[in-house]
């Protein structure tokens, strides 16, 4: 089983590359946010506990996240699928938790930590220009993926196209600063235990995808 841990600044294209790997290379994407929403909607006692925490606006503890990841990875470990982590880990503690969980999985594991490098100007261009369909969730971009008909979703025909309120230059500057502060200890951790594959993410997404395929020998 192959496991990819994606690291990269906001706008580096982690989500885009994850989606391409899911569509073409038998990967599934493990998202802690999706896991939390899934369990909180289950109606179980554990799910109701998580639901209460999320509705209160509090952060879910690393212990709860660890349990969710263990359960999910044990489930996936018995299948033929490969795994992508996109947006996790975000802290050194989470990196240590994830490493422990992976170390205890059975079978032949091929783990790659992949850092998507991109300059700040490219991040601004990518994030400020993006929008999506609120109905079917299809993603678009003013420059790189405009809708075929202005203000109409290509997929479902909805005109309910929206932009995130925090996709602006000031917020992006703050997010990039936070990312730099967070990523430094995580990169140090992974470089101490193995290689970090660095990919230049400023090219067209198809070229970045080809680079990932070649570098990881997928």
C-alpha atoms as a PDB file:
ATOM      1  CA  UNK A   1       0.000   0.000   0.000  1.00  0.00           C
ATOM      2  CA  UNK A   2       1.281   3.432  -0.939  1.00  0.00           C
ATOM      3  CA  UNK A   3       0.773   6.349   1.451  1.00  0.00           C
ATOM      4  CA  UNK A   4       1.345   9.963   0.413  1.00  0.00           C
ATOM      5  CA  UNK A   5       1.494  12.756   2.969  1.00  0.00           C
ATOM      6  CA  UNK A   6       0.953  16.043   1.132  1.00  0.00           C
ATOM      7  CA  UNK A   7       2.501  19.186   2.591  1.00  0.00           C
ATOM      8  CA  UNK A   8       2.308  22.632   1.048  1.00  0.00           C
ATOM      9  CA  UNK A   9       1.157  26.204   1.484  1.00  0.00           C
ATOM     10  CA  UNK A  10      -2.459  27.258   0.899  1.00  0.00           C
ATOM     11  CA  UNK A  11      -2.952  27.419  -2.863  1.00  0.00           C
ATOM     12  CA  UNK A  12      -0.074  25.047  -3.651  1.00  0.00           C
ATOM     13  CA  UNK A  13      -2.492  22.613  -5.279  1.00  0.00           C
ATOM     14  CA  UNK A  14      -2.650  19.806  -2.717  1.00  0.00           C
ATOM     15  CA  UNK A  15      -6.365  19.298  -3.279  1.00  0.00           C
ATOM     16  CA  UNK A  16      -6.043  19.342  -7.078  1.00  0.00           C
ATOM     17  CA  UNK A  17      -3.200  16.817  -7.096  1.00  0.00           C
ATOM     18  CA  UNK A  18      -4.988  14.628  -4.556  1.00  0.00           C
ATOM     19  CA  UNK A  19      -8.078  14.549  -6.765  1.00  0.00           C
ATOM     20  CA  UNK A  20      -5.987  13.544  -9.795  1.00  0.00           C
ATOM     21  CA  UNK A  21      -4.345  10.724  -7.855  1.00  0.00           C
ATOM     22  CA  UNK A  22      -7.736   9.539  -6.599  1.00  0.00           C
ATOM     23  CA  UNK A  23      -9.157   9.558 -10.138  1.00  0.00           C
ATOM     24  CA  UNK A  24      -6.215   7.907 -11.878  1.00  0.00           C
ATOM     25  CA  UNK A  25      -4.074   5.960  -9.433  1.00  0.00           C
ATOM     26  CA  UNK A  26      -6.352   4.056  -7.036  1.00  0.00           C
ATOM     27  CA  UNK A  27      -5.861   6.407  -4.100  1.00  0.00           C
ATOM     28  CA  UNK A  28      -8.389   7.428  -1.507  1.00  0.00           C
ATOM     29  CA  UNK A  29      -8.098  10.741   0.329  1.00  0.00           C
ATOM     30  CA  UNK A  30      -8.226  10.620   4.124  1.00  0.00           C
ATOM     31  CA  UNK A  31      -9.432  13.917   5.527  1.00  0.00           C
ATOM     32  CA  UNK A  32      -9.790  14.454   9.250  1.00  0.00           C
ATOM     33  CA  UNK A  33     -12.566  16.964   8.555  1.00  0.00           C
ATOM     34  CA  UNK A  34     -14.538  14.387   6.567  1.00  0.00           C
ATOM     35  CA  UNK A  35     -13.975  11.764   9.261  1.00  0.00           C
ATOM     36  CA  UNK A  36     -15.221  14.103  11.973  1.00  0.00           C
ATOM     37  CA  UNK A  37     -18.342  15.022   9.985  1.00  0.00           C
ATOM     38  CA  UNK A  38     -19.048  11.377   9.170  1.00  0.00           C
ATOM     39  CA  UNK A  39     -18.779  10.186  12.753  1.00  0.00           C
ATOM     40  CA  UNK A  40     -20.674  13.168  14.197  1.00  0.00           C
ATOM     41  CA  UNK A  41     -23.597  12.322  11.878  1.00  0.00           C
ATOM     42  CA  UNK A  42     -23.604   8.628  12.886  1.00  0.00           C
ATOM     43  CA  UNK A  43     -25.768   9.051  15.973  1.00  0.00           C
ATOM     44  CA  UNK A  44     -23.413   6.975  18.124  1.00  0.00           C
ATOM     45  CA  UNK A  45     -22.387   8.092  21.597  1.00  0.00           C
ATOM     46  CA  UNK A  46     -18.895   8.841  20.332  1.00  0.00           C
ATOM     47  CA  UNK A  47     -20.350  10.678  17.348  1.00  0.00           C
ATOM     48  CA  UNK A  48     -22.615  12.789  19.550  1.00  0.00           C
ATOM     49  CA  UNK A  49     -19.613  13.704  21.713  1.00  0.00           C
ATOM     50  CA  UNK A  50     -17.743  14.949  18.648  1.00  0.00           C
ATOM     51  CA  UNK A  51     -20.836  16.762  17.384  1.00  0.00           C
ATOM     52  CA  UNK A  52     -21.167  18.639  20.692  1.00  0.00           C
ATOM     53  CA  UNK A  53     -17.498  19.664  20.582  1.00  0.00           C
ATOM     54  CA  UNK A  54     -17.763  20.909  16.993  1.00  0.00           C
ATOM     55  CA  UNK A  55     -21.005  22.787  17.597  1.00  0.00           C
ATOM     56  CA  UNK A  56     -19.480  24.528  20.606  1.00  0.00           C
ATOM     57  CA  UNK A  57     -16.713  25.882  18.395  1.00  0.00           C
ATOM     58  CA  UNK A  58     -14.014  24.050  20.338  1.00  0.00           C
ATOM     59  CA  UNK A  59     -11.161  22.160  18.708  1.00  0.00           C
ATOM     60  CA  UNK A  60     -11.351  18.378  18.658  1.00  0.00           C
ATOM     61  CA  UNK A  61      -8.501  16.885  20.681  1.00  0.00           C
ATOM     62  CA  UNK A  62      -5.571  15.074  19.098  1.00  0.00           C
ATOM     63  CA  UNK A  63      -6.661  11.940  21.001  1.00  0.00           C
ATOM     64  CA  UNK A  64      -9.999  11.898  19.184  1.00  0.00           C
ATOM     65  CA  UNK A  65      -8.331  12.534  15.835  1.00  0.00           C
ATOM     66  CA  UNK A  66      -5.910   9.689  16.569  1.00  0.00           C
ATOM     67  CA  UNK A  67      -8.779   7.256  17.216  1.00  0.00           C
ATOM     68  CA  UNK A  68     -10.551   8.272  13.993  1.00  0.00           C
ATOM     69  CA  UNK A  69      -7.368   7.849  11.960  1.00  0.00           C
ATOM     70  CA  UNK A  70      -6.577   4.464  13.497  1.00  0.00           C
ATOM     71  CA  UNK A  71     -10.056   3.170  12.717  1.00  0.00           C
ATOM     72  CA  UNK A  72      -9.967   4.494   9.146  1.00  0.00           C
ATOM     73  CA  UNK A  73      -6.468   3.248   8.344  1.00  0.00           C
ATOM     74  CA  UNK A  74      -7.179  -0.197   9.761  1.00  0.00           C
ATOM     75  CA  UNK A  75     -10.244  -0.309   7.517  1.00  0.00           C
ATOM     76  CA  UNK A  76      -8.331   0.824   4.427  1.00  0.00           C
ATOM     77  CA  UNK A  77      -5.363  -1.403   5.218  1.00  0.00           C
ATOM     78  CA  UNK A  78      -7.506  -4.431   4.381  1.00  0.00           C
ATOM     79  CA  UNK A  79      -8.324  -3.106   0.914  1.00  0.00           C
ATOM     80  CA  UNK A  80      -6.312  -2.593  -2.271  1.00  0.00           C
ATOM     81  CA  UNK A  81      -6.498   1.198  -2.099  1.00  0.00           C
ATOM     82  CA  UNK A  82      -3.619   3.601  -1.574  1.00  0.00           C
ATOM     83  CA  UNK A  83      -3.915   6.567   0.799  1.00  0.00           C
ATOM     84  CA  UNK A  84      -3.402  10.326   0.575  1.00  0.00           C
ATOM     85  CA  UNK A  85      -3.266  12.656   3.556  1.00  0.00           C
ATOM     86  CA  UNK A  86      -4.109  16.196   2.430  1.00  0.00           C
ATOM     87  CA  UNK A  87      -4.052  18.880   5.126  1.00  0.00           C
ATOM     88  CA  UNK A  88      -2.827  16.566   7.867  1.00  0.00           C
ATOM     89  CA  UNK A  89      -0.620  16.727   9.865  1.00  0.00           C
ATOM     90  CA  UNK A  90      -0.764  20.422  10.768  1.00  0.00           C
ATOM     91  CA  UNK A  91       1.362  20.221  13.930  1.00  0.00           C
ATOM     92  CA  UNK A  92       4.411  18.294  15.083  1.00  0.00           C
ATOM     93  CA  UNK A  93       2.235  16.391  17.568  1.00  0.00           C
ATOM     94  CA  UNK A  94      -0.060  15.288  14.752  1.00  0.00           C
ATOM     95  CA  UNK A  95       2.957  14.248  12.661  1.00  0.00           C
ATOM     96  CA  UNK A  96       4.166  12.060  15.529  1.00  0.00           C
ATOM     97  CA  UNK A  97       0.691  10.560  15.984  1.00  0.00           C
ATOM     98  CA  UNK A  98       0.365   9.778  12.282  1.00  0.00           C
ATOM     99  CA  UNK A  99       3.837   8.247  12.150  1.00  0.00           C
ATOM    100  CA  UNK A 100       3.004   5.949  15.079  1.00  0.00           C
ATOM    101  CA  UNK A 101      -0.258   4.852  13.459  1.00  0.00           C
ATOM    102  CA  UNK A 102       1.400   4.103  10.113  1.00  0.00           C
ATOM    103  CA  UNK A 103       4.235   2.232  11.839  1.00  0.00           C
ATOM    104  CA  UNK A 104       1.701  -0.144  13.378  1.00  0.00           C
ATOM    105  CA  UNK A 105      -0.056  -0.976  10.102  1.00  0.00           C
ATOM    106  CA  UNK A 106       0.490  -4.407   8.635  1.00  0.00           C
ATOM    107  CA  UNK A 107       1.720  -5.248   5.166  1.00  0.00           C
ATOM    108  CA  UNK A 108       4.190  -3.727   2.736  1.00  0.00           C
ATOM    109  CA  UNK A 109       3.987   0.056   3.103  1.00  0.00           C
ATOM    110  CA  UNK A 110       5.527   2.648   0.800  1.00  0.00           C
ATOM    111  CA  UNK A 111       5.294   6.042   2.545  1.00  0.00           C
ATOM    112  CA  UNK A 112       6.172   9.285   0.721  1.00  0.00           C
ATOM    113  CA  UNK A 113       6.178  12.776   2.224  1.00  0.00           C
ATOM    114  CA  UNK A 114       5.658  15.234  -0.600  1.00  0.00           C
ATOM    115  CA  UNK A 115       6.180  18.988  -0.296  1.00  0.00           C
ATOM    116  CA  UNK A 116       4.604  21.195  -2.976  1.00  0.00           C
ATOM    117  CA  UNK A 117       6.748  24.330  -3.282  1.00  0.00           C
ATOM    118  CA  UNK A 118       5.259  27.522  -4.678  1.00  0.00           C
ATOM    119  CA  UNK A 119       6.097  31.236  -4.511  1.00  0.00           C
ATOM    120  CA  UNK A 120       3.851  33.767  -2.759  1.00  0.00           C
ATOM    121  CA  UNK A 121       2.793  35.614  -5.958  1.00  0.00           C
ATOM    122  CA  UNK A 122       1.511  32.370  -7.472  1.00  0.00           C
ATOM    123  CA  UNK A 123      -0.377  31.611  -4.272  1.00  0.00           C
ATOM    124  CA  UNK A 124      -2.097  35.005  -4.402  1.00  0.00           C
ATOM    125  CA  UNK A 125      -3.101  34.495  -8.039  1.00  0.00           C
ATOM    126  CA  UNK A 126      -4.433  31.005  -7.443  1.00  0.00           C
ATOM    127  CA  UNK A 127      -6.410  31.716  -4.286  1.00  0.00           C
ATOM    128  CA  UNK A 128      -7.894  35.119  -5.144  1.00  0.00           C
ATOM    129  CA  UNK A 129      -9.175  33.804  -8.468  1.00  0.00           C
ATOM    130  CA  UNK A 130     -10.848  30.626  -7.302  1.00  0.00           C
ATOM    131  CA  UNK A 131     -14.574  30.026  -6.848  1.00  0.00           C
ATOM    132  CA  UNK A 132     -16.905  27.045  -6.840  1.00  0.00           C
ATOM    133  CA  UNK A 133     -20.468  25.907  -7.388  1.00  0.00           C
ATOM    134  CA  UNK A 134     -22.344  25.916  -4.082  1.00  0.00           C
ATOM    135  CA  UNK A 135     -24.666  23.179  -5.367  1.00  0.00           C
ATOM    136  CA  UNK A 136     -22.424  20.498  -6.891  1.00  0.00           C
ATOM    137  CA  UNK A 137     -19.101  21.738  -5.388  1.00  0.00           C
ATOM    138  CA  UNK A 138     -17.292  21.877  -8.750  1.00  0.00           C
ATOM    139  CA  UNK A 139     -14.221  24.121  -8.514  1.00  0.00           C
ATOM    140  CA  UNK A 140     -13.326  26.947 -10.923  1.00  0.00           C
ATOM    141  CA  UNK A 141     -10.789  29.726 -11.383  1.00  0.00           C
ATOM    142  CA  UNK A 142     -10.975  33.082 -13.151  1.00  0.00           C
ATOM    143  CA  UNK A 143      -7.791  32.384 -15.155  1.00  0.00           C
ATOM    144  CA  UNK A 144      -7.073  28.669 -15.055  1.00  0.00           C
ATOM    145  CA  UNK A 145     -10.577  27.167 -15.159  1.00  0.00           C
ATOM    146  CA  UNK A 146     -13.335  29.647 -15.989  1.00  0.00           C
ATOM    147  CA  UNK A 147     -16.871  28.444 -16.597  1.00  0.00           C
ATOM    148  CA  UNK A 148     -17.773  27.910 -20.263  1.00  0.00           C
ATOM    149  CA  UNK A 149     -20.754  30.235 -19.842  1.00  0.00           C
ATOM    150  CA  UNK A 150     -20.260  33.209 -17.539  1.00  0.00           C
ATOM    151  CA  UNK A 151     -21.767  32.695 -14.075  1.00  0.00           C
ATOM    152  CA  UNK A 152     -23.140  29.229 -14.928  1.00  0.00           C
ATOM    153  CA  UNK A 153     -21.719  25.967 -13.573  1.00  0.00           C
ATOM    154  CA  UNK A 154     -20.488  23.655 -16.358  1.00  0.00           C
ATOM    155  CA  UNK A 155     -21.526  20.541 -14.446  1.00  0.00           C
ATOM    156  CA  UNK A 156     -24.997  21.180 -13.035  1.00  0.00           C
ATOM    157  CA  UNK A 157     -26.063  24.463 -14.654  1.00  0.00           C
ATOM    158  CA  UNK A 158     -26.444  26.268 -11.351  1.00  0.00           C
ATOM    159  CA  UNK A 159     -25.829  29.999 -11.122  1.00  0.00           C
ATOM    160  CA  UNK A 160     -25.038  29.685  -7.441  1.00  0.00           C
ATOM    161  CA  UNK A 161     -21.304  30.299  -7.793  1.00  0.00           C
ATOM    162  CA  UNK A 162     -19.526  31.470  -4.662  1.00  0.00           C
ATOM    163  CA  UNK A 163     -16.145  32.650  -3.384  1.00  0.00           C
ATOM    164  CA  UNK A 164     -14.724  32.238   0.078  1.00  0.00           C
ATOM    165  CA  UNK A 165     -14.801  35.475   2.038  1.00  0.00           C
ATOM    166  CA  UNK A 166     -11.254  34.877   3.297  1.00  0.00           C
ATOM    167  CA  UNK A 167      -9.756  34.467  -0.195  1.00  0.00           C
ATOM    168  CA  UNK A 168      -8.229  37.946  -0.159  1.00  0.00           C
ATOM    169  CA  UNK A 169      -4.648  39.231  -0.118  1.00  0.00           C
ATOM    170  CA  UNK A 170      -4.538  40.308   3.535  1.00  0.00           C
ATOM    171  CA  UNK A 171      -5.853  36.995   4.810  1.00  0.00           C
ATOM    172  CA  UNK A 172      -3.543  35.058   2.484  1.00  0.00           C
ATOM    173  CA  UNK A 173      -0.487  36.891   3.847  1.00  0.00           C
ATOM    174  CA  UNK A 174      -1.471  35.847   7.360  1.00  0.00           C
ATOM    175  CA  UNK A 175      -2.167  32.274   6.277  1.00  0.00           C
ATOM    176  CA  UNK A 176       1.229  32.001   4.579  1.00  0.00           C
ATOM    177  CA  UNK A 177       2.972  33.302   7.705  1.00  0.00           C
ATOM    178  CA  UNK A 178       1.112  30.765   9.841  1.00  0.00           C
ATOM    179  CA  UNK A 179       2.007  28.014   7.383  1.00  0.00           C
ATOM    180  CA  UNK A 180       5.709  28.860   7.491  1.00  0.00           C
ATOM    181  CA  UNK A 181       5.661  28.783  11.298  1.00  0.00           C
ATOM    182  CA  UNK A 182       3.793  25.446  11.355  1.00  0.00           C
ATOM    183  CA  UNK A 183       5.645  23.644   8.562  1.00  0.00           C
ATOM    184  CA  UNK A 184       9.220  24.167   9.801  1.00  0.00           C
ATOM    185  CA  UNK A 185       9.116  21.654  12.711  1.00  0.00           C
ATOM    186  CA  UNK A 186       7.039  19.189  10.641  1.00  0.00           C
ATOM    187  CA  UNK A 187       9.588  19.213   7.804  1.00  0.00           C
ATOM    188  CA  UNK A 188      12.416  18.795  10.326  1.00  0.00           C
ATOM    189  CA  UNK A 189      10.596  15.796  11.819  1.00  0.00           C
ATOM    190  CA  UNK A 190      10.093  14.067   8.466  1.00  0.00           C
ATOM    191  CA  UNK A 191      13.607  14.834   7.224  1.00  0.00           C
ATOM    192  CA  UNK A 192      14.999  13.267  10.387  1.00  0.00           C
ATOM    193  CA  UNK A 193      13.180   9.991   9.710  1.00  0.00           C
ATOM    194  CA  UNK A 194      13.377   9.897   5.903  1.00  0.00           C
ATOM    195  CA  UNK A 195      13.298  11.784   2.638  1.00  0.00           C
ATOM    196  CA  UNK A 196      10.945  14.642   1.770  1.00  0.00           C
ATOM    197  CA  UNK A 197      10.190  14.779  -1.961  1.00  0.00           C
ATOM    198  CA  UNK A 198      10.020  18.397  -3.106  1.00  0.00           C
ATOM    199  CA  UNK A 199       7.955  19.285  -6.181  1.00  0.00           C
ATOM    200  CA  UNK A 200       7.776  22.706  -7.828  1.00  0.00           C
ATOM    201  CA  UNK A 201       4.052  23.430  -7.869  1.00  0.00           C
ATOM    202  CA  UNK A 202       4.055  26.680  -9.854  1.00  0.00           C
ATOM    203  CA  UNK A 203       3.595  24.937 -13.213  1.00  0.00           C
ATOM    204  CA  UNK A 204       0.275  23.934 -14.814  1.00  0.00           C
ATOM    205  CA  UNK A 205      -1.452  21.301 -12.676  1.00  0.00           C
ATOM    206  CA  UNK A 206      -1.059  18.649 -15.402  1.00  0.00           C
ATOM    207  CA  UNK A 207       2.716  19.159 -15.415  1.00  0.00           C
ATOM    208  CA  UNK A 208       2.845  19.044 -11.610  1.00  0.00           C
ATOM    209  CA  UNK A 209       0.862  15.803 -11.676  1.00  0.00           C
ATOM    210  CA  UNK A 210       3.259  14.255 -14.205  1.00  0.00           C
ATOM    211  CA  UNK A 211       6.187  15.301 -12.030  1.00  0.00           C
ATOM    212  CA  UNK A 212       4.592  13.631  -8.993  1.00  0.00           C
ATOM    213  CA  UNK A 213       3.950  10.440 -10.949  1.00  0.00           C
ATOM    214  CA  UNK A 214       7.537  10.327 -12.165  1.00  0.00           C
ATOM    215  CA  UNK A 215       9.157  11.197  -8.846  1.00  0.00           C
ATOM    216  CA  UNK A 216       7.072   8.702  -6.866  1.00  0.00           C
ATOM    217  CA  UNK A 217       7.212   6.060  -9.630  1.00  0.00           C
ATOM    218  CA  UNK A 218       3.449   5.561  -9.609  1.00  0.00           C
END
